[in-house]
Amino acid sequence: MVTVPGSPLCLIVLREQPVQALTHQDLRAKLGDSSSGGIVFATIQKFMPGEDEDTFPVLSERSNIVVIAEEAHRTQHGFEAKFKGDQKDYQVDYAQHLRDALPNATFVAFTGTPVSSEDRDTRAVFGDYIHAYDMQQARDDGATVAIYYESRLAKLRLKAEMLPDVDDEVDELAEDEEDSDASKLKSRCRRGMR
């Protein structure tokens, strides 16, 4: 069952009327004016500083704020400042601005694909898993069906007269490579096209 914010069932469960921040200014007003309570829906992009700001301002220092992030593997990283190409300054991403705006909030995230790499790590940002619901559980529950993968390679065949054109393209792509690496690449391309 799907509940729509403002529907009677939604109000019974949440006990409060959720609101949606429609603009950057609307978000700042809704979060800045609230001394307690409130359910505010917003996209993370609304936490971008204004053109005349270097950082996003603190909107609330309350510690009883819970931020729930959906698709946490996407825009919830980017805490290190990066150089902006044609400009002469650095910038951080939305996740840092969100934390600047709500410094004492608790962050909870949902994701179907947590990431773990040098500059993007879902567990480093949000902490350990509260619960994991894997594909086997979803299948056992009937929420999804079994997925079977059968590997098939498409055989490509080029006309012999096209091979010199392929060699020229490979030469152009591999111009910075060692000669031995380029010839290996050419050989591999030819094998894949027979």
N, C-alpha and C. Protein backbone atom coordinates (compact mmCIF):
# COMPACT_ATOMS: atom_id res chain seq x y z
N MET A 1 0.85 -1.18 0.00
CA MET A 1 0.00 0.00 0.00
C MET A 1 0.89 1.24 0.00
N VAL A 2 0.54 2.23 -0.77
CA VAL A 2 1.27 3.49 -0.84
C VAL A 2 0.43 4.56 -0.15
N THR A 3 1.07 5.31 0.74
CA THR A 3 0.35 6.41 1.36
C THR A 3 0.87 7.71 0.79
N VAL A 4 -0.01 8.62 0.58
CA VAL A 4 0.34 9.93 0.04
C VAL A 4 0.43 10.90 1.21
N PRO A 5 1.52 11.72 1.27
CA PRO A 5 1.59 12.70 2.34
C PRO A 5 0.30 13.53 2.39
N GLY A 6 -0.26 13.64 3.57
CA GLY A 6 -1.50 14.38 3.74
C GLY A 6 -2.73 13.49 3.77
N SER A 7 -2.58 12.22 3.38
CA SER A 7 -3.73 11.33 3.42
C SER A 7 -4.01 10.95 4.87
N PRO A 8 -5.23 10.56 5.19
CA PRO A 8 -5.57 10.22 6.57
C PRO A 8 -4.66 9.13 7.16
N LEU A 9 -4.34 8.08 6.38
CA LEU A 9 -3.48 7.02 6.90
C LEU A 9 -2.09 7.55 7.20
N CYS A 10 -1.58 8.42 6.33
CA CYS A 10 -0.28 9.02 6.54
C CYS A 10 -0.26 9.81 7.86
N LEU A 11 -1.32 10.56 8.11
CA LEU A 11 -1.40 11.36 9.33
C LEU A 11 -1.51 10.47 10.57
N ILE A 12 -2.17 9.33 10.45
CA ILE A 12 -2.27 8.40 11.59
C ILE A 12 -0.90 7.84 11.92
N VAL A 13 -0.16 7.45 10.89
CA VAL A 13 1.16 6.85 11.12
C VAL A 13 2.18 7.89 11.57
N LEU A 14 2.24 9.02 10.90
CA LEU A 14 3.26 10.03 11.19
C LEU A 14 2.85 11.02 12.28
N ARG A 15 1.55 11.16 12.49
CA ARG A 15 0.99 12.08 13.49
C ARG A 15 1.35 13.53 13.21
N GLU A 16 1.70 13.78 11.98
CA GLU A 16 2.07 15.14 11.61
C GLU A 16 1.93 15.29 10.09
N GLN A 17 1.61 16.47 9.65
CA GLN A 17 1.47 16.74 8.22
C GLN A 17 2.85 16.97 7.61
N PRO A 18 3.31 16.06 6.73
CA PRO A 18 4.60 16.29 6.07
C PRO A 18 4.48 17.46 5.09
N VAL A 19 5.60 18.15 4.90
CA VAL A 19 5.64 19.25 3.93
C VAL A 19 6.81 19.02 2.98
N GLN A 20 6.71 19.62 1.82
CA GLN A 20 7.77 19.49 0.83
C GLN A 20 8.41 20.85 0.61
N ALA A 21 9.75 20.88 0.68
CA ALA A 21 10.48 22.10 0.38
C ALA A 21 10.59 22.20 -1.14
N LEU A 22 10.00 23.25 -1.69
CA LEU A 22 9.93 23.37 -3.14
C LEU A 22 11.12 24.10 -3.76
N THR A 23 11.76 24.98 -2.99
CA THR A 23 12.90 25.75 -3.49
C THR A 23 13.99 25.78 -2.42
N HIS A 24 15.14 26.31 -2.79
CA HIS A 24 16.23 26.47 -1.82
C HIS A 24 15.77 27.36 -0.66
N GLN A 25 15.11 28.47 -0.98
CA GLN A 25 14.66 29.40 0.05
C GLN A 25 13.57 28.78 0.92
N ASP A 26 12.68 28.00 0.30
CA ASP A 26 11.62 27.32 1.04
C ASP A 26 12.22 26.32 2.03
N LEU A 27 13.25 25.59 1.60
CA LEU A 27 13.93 24.64 2.48
C LEU A 27 14.53 25.38 3.68
N ARG A 28 15.22 26.47 3.42
CA ARG A 28 15.84 27.24 4.51
C ARG A 28 14.79 27.76 5.49
N ALA A 29 13.67 28.22 4.97
CA ALA A 29 12.61 28.73 5.84
C ALA A 29 12.01 27.61 6.69
N LYS A 30 11.72 26.47 6.07
CA LYS A 30 11.08 25.37 6.79
C LYS A 30 11.99 24.78 7.87
N LEU A 31 13.27 24.61 7.55
CA LEU A 31 14.19 24.02 8.54
C LEU A 31 14.66 25.06 9.56
N GLY A 32 14.81 26.29 9.14
CA GLY A 32 15.31 27.32 10.03
C GLY A 32 14.30 27.79 11.05
N ASP A 33 13.01 27.74 10.70
CA ASP A 33 11.96 28.24 11.59
C ASP A 33 11.47 27.20 12.59
N SER A 34 11.90 25.95 12.43
CA SER A 34 11.35 24.88 13.25
C SER A 34 12.16 24.69 14.53
N SER A 35 11.50 24.91 15.66
CA SER A 35 12.20 24.67 16.94
C SER A 35 11.96 23.26 17.43
N SER A 36 10.94 22.59 16.88
CA SER A 36 10.69 21.19 17.21
C SER A 36 9.74 20.60 16.18
N GLY A 37 9.78 19.29 16.08
CA GLY A 37 8.85 18.58 15.19
C GLY A 37 9.09 18.91 13.73
N GLY A 38 8.23 18.36 12.90
CA GLY A 38 8.27 18.66 11.48
C GLY A 38 8.83 17.51 10.66
N ILE A 39 8.18 17.26 9.53
CA ILE A 39 8.65 16.29 8.56
C ILE A 39 8.77 17.04 7.24
N VAL A 40 10.01 17.18 6.78
CA VAL A 40 10.27 17.97 5.58
C VAL A 40 10.89 17.06 4.53
N PHE A 41 10.26 17.02 3.34
CA PHE A 41 10.82 16.29 2.21
C PHE A 41 11.57 17.28 1.34
N ALA A 42 12.80 16.89 0.93
CA ALA A 42 13.59 17.75 0.05
C ALA A 42 14.60 16.90 -0.69
N THR A 43 15.04 17.39 -1.82
CA THR A 43 16.13 16.73 -2.54
C THR A 43 17.44 17.33 -2.04
N ILE A 44 18.49 16.54 -2.12
CA ILE A 44 19.78 16.99 -1.61
C ILE A 44 20.32 18.19 -2.40
N GLN A 45 19.88 18.36 -3.63
CA GLN A 45 20.34 19.47 -4.44
C GLN A 45 19.93 20.83 -3.87
N LYS A 46 18.92 20.83 -3.02
CA LYS A 46 18.48 22.08 -2.41
C LYS A 46 19.47 22.57 -1.35
N PHE A 47 20.49 21.74 -1.05
CA PHE A 47 21.50 22.13 -0.08
C PHE A 47 22.74 22.73 -0.75
N MET A 48 22.56 23.29 -1.92
CA MET A 48 23.66 23.96 -2.60
C MET A 48 23.70 25.42 -2.14
N PRO A 49 24.89 25.92 -1.79
CA PRO A 49 24.98 27.32 -1.38
C PRO A 49 24.53 28.26 -2.50
N GLY A 50 24.09 29.44 -2.10
CA GLY A 50 23.72 30.45 -3.09
C GLY A 50 24.96 30.96 -3.81
N GLU A 51 24.74 31.71 -4.87
CA GLU A 51 25.87 32.19 -5.68
C GLU A 51 26.81 33.08 -4.88
N ASP A 52 26.31 33.77 -3.87
CA ASP A 52 27.16 34.65 -3.07
C ASP A 52 27.69 33.97 -1.81
N GLU A 53 27.52 32.64 -1.69
CA GLU A 53 27.97 31.90 -0.51
C GLU A 53 29.04 30.87 -0.87
N ASP A 54 30.02 30.72 0.02
CA ASP A 54 31.04 29.68 -0.17
C ASP A 54 30.61 28.38 0.48
N THR A 55 29.86 28.49 1.59
CA THR A 55 29.39 27.30 2.30
C THR A 55 27.89 27.46 2.55
N PHE A 56 27.27 26.34 2.87
CA PHE A 56 25.85 26.37 3.18
C PHE A 56 25.69 26.78 4.64
N PRO A 57 24.77 27.67 4.97
CA PRO A 57 24.63 28.11 6.36
C PRO A 57 24.02 27.04 7.26
N VAL A 58 24.28 27.14 8.55
CA VAL A 58 23.66 26.26 9.53
C VAL A 58 22.18 26.63 9.61
N LEU A 59 21.31 25.64 9.40
CA LEU A 59 19.87 25.89 9.46
C LEU A 59 19.30 25.52 10.83
N SER A 60 19.89 24.51 11.46
CA SER A 60 19.43 24.11 12.79
C SER A 60 20.53 23.34 13.49
N GLU A 61 20.73 23.64 14.76
CA GLU A 61 21.71 22.91 15.56
C GLU A 61 21.04 21.88 16.46
N ARG A 62 19.74 21.65 16.23
CA ARG A 62 19.02 20.65 17.03
C ARG A 62 19.67 19.28 16.85
N SER A 63 19.66 18.50 17.91
CA SER A 63 20.22 17.14 17.84
C SER A 63 19.13 16.09 17.65
N ASN A 64 17.88 16.51 17.64
CA ASN A 64 16.79 15.55 17.46
C ASN A 64 16.25 15.56 16.02
N ILE A 65 17.12 15.84 15.08
CA ILE A 65 16.77 15.81 13.66
C ILE A 65 17.30 14.51 13.07
N VAL A 66 16.44 13.82 12.33
CA VAL A 66 16.84 12.58 11.65
C VAL A 66 16.72 12.83 10.15
N VAL A 67 17.83 12.67 9.44
CA VAL A 67 17.84 12.81 7.99
C VAL A 67 17.82 11.40 7.41
N ILE A 68 16.83 11.12 6.58
CA ILE A 68 16.72 9.81 5.94
C ILE A 68 17.06 10.00 4.47
N ALA A 69 18.11 9.33 4.03
CA ALA A 69 18.58 9.46 2.65
C ALA A 69 18.25 8.21 1.86
N GLU A 70 17.58 8.38 0.75
CA GLU A 70 17.27 7.29 -0.17
C GLU A 70 18.34 7.28 -1.26
N GLU A 71 18.68 6.12 -1.79
CA GLU A 71 19.72 6.00 -2.81
C GLU A 71 21.04 6.56 -2.29
N ALA A 72 21.45 6.09 -1.11
CA ALA A 72 22.61 6.65 -0.42
C ALA A 72 23.91 6.47 -1.17
N HIS A 73 23.96 5.61 -2.14
CA HIS A 73 25.20 5.40 -2.88
C HIS A 73 25.43 6.48 -3.93
N ARG A 74 24.48 7.35 -4.16
CA ARG A 74 24.60 8.33 -5.25
C ARG A 74 25.23 9.64 -4.80
N THR A 75 24.48 10.54 -4.20
CA THR A 75 24.97 11.90 -3.93
C THR A 75 25.37 12.12 -2.48
N GLN A 76 25.57 11.07 -1.73
CA GLN A 76 25.84 11.23 -0.30
C GLN A 76 27.33 11.21 0.04
N HIS A 77 28.17 11.44 -0.94
CA HIS A 77 29.61 11.48 -0.71
C HIS A 77 30.13 12.83 -1.18
N GLY A 78 31.43 13.02 -1.10
CA GLY A 78 32.03 14.26 -1.60
C GLY A 78 32.33 15.25 -0.49
N PHE A 79 33.01 14.79 0.55
CA PHE A 79 33.33 15.66 1.68
C PHE A 79 34.65 16.40 1.48
N GLU A 80 35.50 15.90 0.61
CA GLU A 80 36.78 16.55 0.38
C GLU A 80 36.62 17.62 -0.69
N ALA A 81 37.23 18.77 -0.44
CA ALA A 81 37.16 19.87 -1.40
C ALA A 81 37.92 19.50 -2.66
N LYS A 82 37.31 19.82 -3.81
CA LYS A 82 37.94 19.56 -5.10
C LYS A 82 38.04 20.86 -5.87
N PHE A 83 39.09 20.98 -6.65
CA PHE A 83 39.31 22.17 -7.45
C PHE A 83 38.29 22.24 -8.57
N LYS A 84 37.65 23.40 -8.72
CA LYS A 84 36.71 23.62 -9.82
C LYS A 84 37.52 24.10 -11.01
N GLY A 85 37.52 23.30 -12.08
CA GLY A 85 38.33 23.49 -13.28
C GLY A 85 38.66 24.90 -13.70
N ASP A 86 37.69 25.63 -14.27
CA ASP A 86 38.01 26.93 -14.84
C ASP A 86 37.99 28.06 -13.81
N GLN A 87 37.51 27.79 -12.61
CA GLN A 87 37.51 28.81 -11.57
C GLN A 87 38.69 28.57 -10.65
N LYS A 88 38.99 29.53 -9.83
CA LYS A 88 40.18 29.43 -8.98
C LYS A 88 39.80 29.15 -7.52
N ASP A 89 38.84 28.28 -7.32
CA ASP A 89 38.48 27.93 -5.95
C ASP A 89 38.07 26.46 -5.87
N TYR A 90 37.85 26.01 -4.65
CA TYR A 90 37.52 24.62 -4.39
C TYR A 90 36.06 24.53 -4.01
N GLN A 91 35.49 23.33 -4.17
CA GLN A 91 34.11 23.12 -3.73
C GLN A 91 33.96 21.71 -3.18
N VAL A 92 32.98 21.56 -2.30
CA VAL A 92 32.60 20.25 -1.79
C VAL A 92 31.25 19.91 -2.40
N ASP A 93 30.82 18.68 -2.24
CA ASP A 93 29.56 18.25 -2.84
C ASP A 93 28.40 18.42 -1.86
N TYR A 94 27.22 18.02 -2.34
CA TYR A 94 25.98 18.21 -1.58
C TYR A 94 26.03 17.61 -0.18
N ALA A 95 26.65 16.44 -0.04
CA ALA A 95 26.66 15.76 1.26
C ALA A 95 27.29 16.64 2.34
N GLN A 96 28.35 17.35 2.01
CA GLN A 96 28.99 18.23 2.99
C GLN A 96 28.09 19.41 3.32
N HIS A 97 27.44 19.97 2.32
CA HIS A 97 26.53 21.10 2.57
C HIS A 97 25.37 20.68 3.47
N LEU A 98 24.86 19.47 3.26
CA LEU A 98 23.77 18.95 4.10
C LEU A 98 24.23 18.85 5.55
N ARG A 99 25.43 18.37 5.77
CA ARG A 99 25.95 18.25 7.13
C ARG A 99 26.31 19.61 7.73
N ASP A 100 26.71 20.55 6.90
CA ASP A 100 26.95 21.92 7.39
C ASP A 100 25.63 22.54 7.86
N ALA A 101 24.54 22.27 7.12
CA ALA A 101 23.23 22.84 7.45
C ALA A 101 22.65 22.25 8.72
N LEU A 102 22.90 20.95 8.95
CA LEU A 102 22.32 20.23 10.10
C LEU A 102 23.43 19.48 10.84
N PRO A 103 24.32 20.21 11.53
CA PRO A 103 25.53 19.59 12.08
C PRO A 103 25.31 18.53 13.16
N ASN A 104 24.19 18.55 13.84
CA ASN A 104 23.96 17.61 14.93
C ASN A 104 22.91 16.55 14.60
N ALA A 105 22.51 16.49 13.36
CA ALA A 105 21.48 15.53 12.93
C ALA A 105 22.03 14.11 12.92
N THR A 106 21.12 13.16 12.98
CA THR A 106 21.44 11.74 12.81
C THR A 106 21.10 11.38 11.37
N PHE A 107 22.00 10.65 10.71
CA PHE A 107 21.80 10.30 9.30
C PHE A 107 21.56 8.81 9.17
N VAL A 108 20.47 8.46 8.48
CA VAL A 108 20.11 7.07 8.19
C VAL A 108 19.93 6.98 6.68
N ALA A 109 20.39 5.87 6.10
CA ALA A 109 20.34 5.77 4.64
C ALA A 109 19.78 4.43 4.19
N PHE A 110 19.17 4.46 3.01
CA PHE A 110 18.71 3.26 2.33
C PHE A 110 19.45 3.17 1.00
N THR A 111 19.89 1.98 0.65
CA THR A 111 20.50 1.77 -0.65
C THR A 111 20.43 0.30 -1.01
N GLY A 112 20.27 0.04 -2.27
CA GLY A 112 20.32 -1.33 -2.75
C GLY A 112 21.72 -1.69 -3.23
N THR A 113 22.57 -0.67 -3.36
CA THR A 113 23.92 -0.90 -3.87
C THR A 113 24.93 -0.06 -3.09
N PRO A 114 25.27 -0.47 -1.87
CA PRO A 114 26.26 0.29 -1.12
C PRO A 114 27.60 0.27 -1.86
N VAL A 115 28.34 1.36 -1.77
CA VAL A 115 29.63 1.43 -2.45
C VAL A 115 30.76 1.47 -1.44
N SER A 116 31.91 0.99 -1.87
CA SER A 116 33.09 1.01 -1.02
C SER A 116 34.31 1.23 -1.90
N SER A 117 34.72 2.46 -2.00
CA SER A 117 35.92 2.79 -2.75
C SER A 117 36.66 3.89 -1.99
N GLU A 118 37.77 4.32 -2.53
CA GLU A 118 38.62 5.28 -1.81
C GLU A 118 37.88 6.57 -1.47
N ASP A 119 37.12 7.11 -2.40
CA ASP A 119 36.47 8.39 -2.16
C ASP A 119 34.95 8.29 -1.98
N ARG A 120 34.40 7.09 -2.04
CA ARG A 120 32.96 6.88 -1.86
C ARG A 120 32.75 5.60 -1.06
N ASP A 121 32.29 5.73 0.16
CA ASP A 121 32.09 4.57 1.01
C ASP A 121 30.84 4.76 1.84
N THR A 122 29.80 4.03 1.52
CA THR A 122 28.50 4.20 2.18
C THR A 122 28.60 3.93 3.68
N ARG A 123 29.32 2.89 4.07
CA ARG A 123 29.42 2.57 5.51
C ARG A 123 30.24 3.61 6.26
N ALA A 124 31.25 4.18 5.62
CA ALA A 124 32.05 5.21 6.28
C ALA A 124 31.21 6.47 6.52
N VAL A 125 30.27 6.75 5.64
CA VAL A 125 29.44 7.94 5.76
C VAL A 125 28.30 7.72 6.74
N PHE A 126 27.65 6.55 6.70
CA PHE A 126 26.45 6.33 7.49
C PHE A 126 26.61 5.34 8.65
N GLY A 127 27.74 4.68 8.75
CA GLY A 127 27.92 3.70 9.82
C GLY A 127 27.54 2.31 9.37
N ASP A 128 27.59 1.38 10.30
CA ASP A 128 27.34 -0.02 9.99
C ASP A 128 25.88 -0.25 9.61
N TYR A 129 25.63 -1.36 8.96
CA TYR A 129 24.29 -1.69 8.51
C TYR A 129 23.36 -1.92 9.70
N ILE A 130 22.16 -1.38 9.60
CA ILE A 130 21.12 -1.67 10.58
C ILE A 130 20.46 -2.99 10.19
N HIS A 131 20.22 -3.14 8.88
CA HIS A 131 19.60 -4.35 8.36
C HIS A 131 19.97 -4.51 6.89
N ALA A 132 20.22 -5.72 6.48
CA ALA A 132 20.49 -6.01 5.07
C ALA A 132 19.43 -6.98 4.57
N TYR A 133 18.84 -6.66 3.45
CA TYR A 133 17.81 -7.48 2.83
C TYR A 133 18.35 -7.88 1.47
N ASP A 134 18.85 -9.10 1.37
CA ASP A 134 19.53 -9.51 0.13
C ASP A 134 18.57 -10.16 -0.86
N MET A 135 19.12 -10.46 -2.04
CA MET A 135 18.30 -11.05 -3.11
C MET A 135 17.70 -12.39 -2.72
N GLN A 136 18.45 -13.19 -1.96
CA GLN A 136 17.92 -14.50 -1.55
C GLN A 136 16.70 -14.33 -0.65
N GLN A 137 16.77 -13.36 0.29
CA GLN A 137 15.62 -13.10 1.16
C GLN A 137 14.42 -12.61 0.33
N ALA A 138 14.70 -11.72 -0.63
CA ALA A 138 13.62 -11.19 -1.47
C ALA A 138 12.97 -12.32 -2.27
N ARG A 139 13.77 -13.24 -2.73
CA ARG A 139 13.25 -14.38 -3.49
C ARG A 139 12.42 -15.28 -2.56
N ASP A 140 12.97 -15.58 -1.37
CA ASP A 140 12.26 -16.42 -0.41
C ASP A 140 10.93 -15.80 0.01
N ASP A 141 10.89 -14.48 0.12
CA ASP A 141 9.66 -13.77 0.51
C ASP A 141 8.66 -13.62 -0.63
N GLY A 142 9.10 -13.93 -1.85
CA GLY A 142 8.23 -13.75 -3.01
C GLY A 142 8.21 -12.33 -3.52
N ALA A 143 9.11 -11.47 -3.03
CA ALA A 143 9.15 -10.09 -3.50
C ALA A 143 9.77 -9.98 -4.88
N THR A 144 10.56 -10.97 -5.25
CA THR A 144 11.16 -11.00 -6.59
C THR A 144 11.25 -12.46 -7.04
N VAL A 145 11.55 -12.64 -8.29
CA VAL A 145 11.70 -14.00 -8.81
C VAL A 145 13.18 -14.27 -9.02
N ALA A 146 13.50 -15.52 -9.19
CA ALA A 146 14.89 -15.89 -9.43
C ALA A 146 15.36 -15.28 -10.75
N ILE A 147 16.58 -14.83 -10.75
CA ILE A 147 17.16 -14.25 -11.96
C ILE A 147 18.25 -15.19 -12.44
N TYR A 148 18.15 -15.59 -13.67
CA TYR A 148 19.15 -16.49 -14.24
C TYR A 148 19.89 -15.75 -15.35
N TYR A 149 21.19 -15.94 -15.38
CA TYR A 149 22.02 -15.29 -16.38
C TYR A 149 22.71 -16.35 -17.22
N GLU A 150 22.55 -16.22 -18.49
CA GLU A 150 23.18 -17.17 -19.39
C GLU A 150 24.11 -16.38 -20.32
N SER A 151 25.39 -16.61 -20.18
CA SER A 151 26.37 -15.86 -20.96
C SER A 151 26.36 -16.31 -22.42
N ARG A 152 26.28 -15.34 -23.30
CA ARG A 152 26.35 -15.63 -24.73
C ARG A 152 27.21 -14.56 -25.39
N LEU A 153 28.11 -14.98 -26.22
CA LEU A 153 28.95 -14.04 -26.93
C LEU A 153 28.43 -13.88 -28.35
N ALA A 154 28.32 -12.66 -28.77
CA ALA A 154 27.89 -12.39 -30.15
C ALA A 154 29.12 -12.48 -31.04
N LYS A 155 29.05 -13.29 -32.04
CA LYS A 155 30.18 -13.45 -32.96
C LYS A 155 30.06 -12.39 -34.05
N LEU A 156 31.10 -11.62 -34.18
CA LEU A 156 31.15 -10.58 -35.20
C LEU A 156 32.09 -11.03 -36.32
N ARG A 157 31.68 -10.77 -37.50
CA ARG A 157 32.54 -11.09 -38.64
C ARG A 157 32.64 -9.85 -39.52
N LEU A 158 33.87 -9.40 -39.73
CA LEU A 158 34.11 -8.28 -40.61
C LEU A 158 34.63 -8.78 -41.94
N LYS A 159 34.32 -8.06 -42.94
CA LYS A 159 34.88 -8.38 -44.24
C LYS A 159 36.38 -8.12 -44.20
N ALA A 160 37.14 -8.96 -44.87
CA ALA A 160 38.60 -8.85 -44.87
C ALA A 160 39.07 -7.47 -45.30
N GLU A 161 38.37 -6.84 -46.21
CA GLU A 161 38.80 -5.52 -46.68
C GLU A 161 38.61 -4.41 -45.63
N MET A 162 37.84 -4.72 -44.55
CA MET A 162 37.64 -3.73 -43.47
C MET A 162 38.74 -3.78 -42.42
N LEU A 163 39.50 -4.86 -42.36
CA LEU A 163 40.53 -5.02 -41.33
C LEU A 163 41.57 -3.91 -41.35
N PRO A 164 42.05 -3.43 -42.50
CA PRO A 164 43.01 -2.31 -42.46
C PRO A 164 42.42 -1.07 -41.78
N ASP A 165 41.12 -0.82 -41.98
CA ASP A 165 40.49 0.32 -41.31
C ASP A 165 40.47 0.11 -39.80
N VAL A 166 40.21 -1.11 -39.36
CA VAL A 166 40.23 -1.43 -37.93
C VAL A 166 41.64 -1.23 -37.39
N ASP A 167 42.65 -1.71 -38.15
CA ASP A 167 44.04 -1.53 -37.71
C ASP A 167 44.38 -0.06 -37.55
N ASP A 168 43.92 0.78 -38.49
CA ASP A 168 44.19 2.22 -38.40
C ASP A 168 43.54 2.82 -37.16
N GLU A 169 42.30 2.41 -36.88
CA GLU A 169 41.59 2.91 -35.69
C GLU A 169 42.31 2.49 -34.41
N VAL A 170 42.75 1.24 -34.36
CA VAL A 170 43.46 0.75 -33.18
C VAL A 170 44.78 1.50 -33.03
N ASP A 171 45.48 1.73 -34.14
CA ASP A 171 46.73 2.49 -34.08
C ASP A 171 46.50 3.88 -33.49
N GLU A 172 45.41 4.51 -33.91
CA GLU A 172 45.10 5.85 -33.42
C GLU A 172 44.76 5.82 -31.92
N LEU A 173 43.99 4.85 -31.50
CA LEU A 173 43.61 4.74 -30.09
C LEU A 173 44.79 4.37 -29.20
N ALA A 174 45.73 3.61 -29.75
CA ALA A 174 46.84 3.11 -28.95
C ALA A 174 48.14 3.87 -29.21
N GLU A 175 48.05 5.11 -29.71
CA GLU A 175 49.26 5.82 -30.07
C GLU A 175 50.17 6.10 -28.89
N ASP A 176 49.65 6.17 -27.68
CA ASP A 176 50.49 6.41 -26.50
C ASP A 176 50.98 5.12 -25.86
N GLU A 177 50.59 3.97 -26.40
CA GLU A 177 50.98 2.68 -25.86
C GLU A 177 52.31 2.22 -26.45
N GLU A 178 52.95 1.30 -25.75
CA GLU A 178 54.15 0.66 -26.29
C GLU A 178 53.78 -0.11 -27.55
N ASP A 179 54.76 -0.29 -28.46
CA ASP A 179 54.48 -1.01 -29.71
C ASP A 179 53.97 -2.42 -29.46
N SER A 180 54.56 -3.11 -28.47
CA SER A 180 54.14 -4.48 -28.19
C SER A 180 52.70 -4.51 -27.66
N ASP A 181 52.33 -3.52 -26.84
CA ASP A 181 50.96 -3.46 -26.32
C ASP A 181 49.97 -3.17 -27.45
N ALA A 182 50.36 -2.29 -28.36
CA ALA A 182 49.47 -1.95 -29.48
C ALA A 182 49.25 -3.16 -30.37
N SER A 183 50.32 -3.94 -30.63
CA SER A 183 50.14 -5.10 -31.50
C SER A 183 49.30 -6.18 -30.80
N LYS A 184 49.42 -6.30 -29.46
CA LYS A 184 48.57 -7.25 -28.71
C LYS A 184 47.11 -6.83 -28.83
N LEU A 185 46.88 -5.52 -28.71
CA LEU A 185 45.52 -5.00 -28.80
C LEU A 185 44.93 -5.26 -30.19
N LYS A 186 45.73 -5.04 -31.22
CA LYS A 186 45.30 -5.30 -32.59
C LYS A 186 44.94 -6.77 -32.78
N SER A 187 45.81 -7.63 -32.26
CA SER A 187 45.60 -9.07 -32.39
C SER A 187 44.32 -9.49 -31.68
N ARG A 188 44.08 -8.94 -30.50
CA ARG A 188 42.88 -9.27 -29.73
C ARG A 188 41.63 -8.79 -30.47
N CYS A 189 41.70 -7.61 -31.06
CA CYS A 189 40.55 -7.09 -31.82
C CYS A 189 40.25 -7.99 -33.01
N ARG A 190 41.29 -8.41 -33.72
CA ARG A 190 41.08 -9.27 -34.88
C ARG A 190 40.46 -10.61 -34.48
N ARG A 191 40.96 -11.18 -33.34
CA ARG A 191 40.40 -12.46 -32.88
C ARG A 191 38.94 -12.33 -32.54
N GLY A 192 38.57 -11.21 -31.90
CA GLY A 192 37.18 -11.01 -31.49
C GLY A 192 36.23 -10.78 -32.65
N MET A 193 36.78 -10.49 -33.81
CA MET A 193 35.93 -10.19 -34.96
C MET A 193 35.87 -11.32 -35.97
N ARG A 194 36.42 -12.44 -35.64
CA ARG A 194 36.38 -13.59 -36.58
C ARG A 194 35.23 -14.50 -36.24
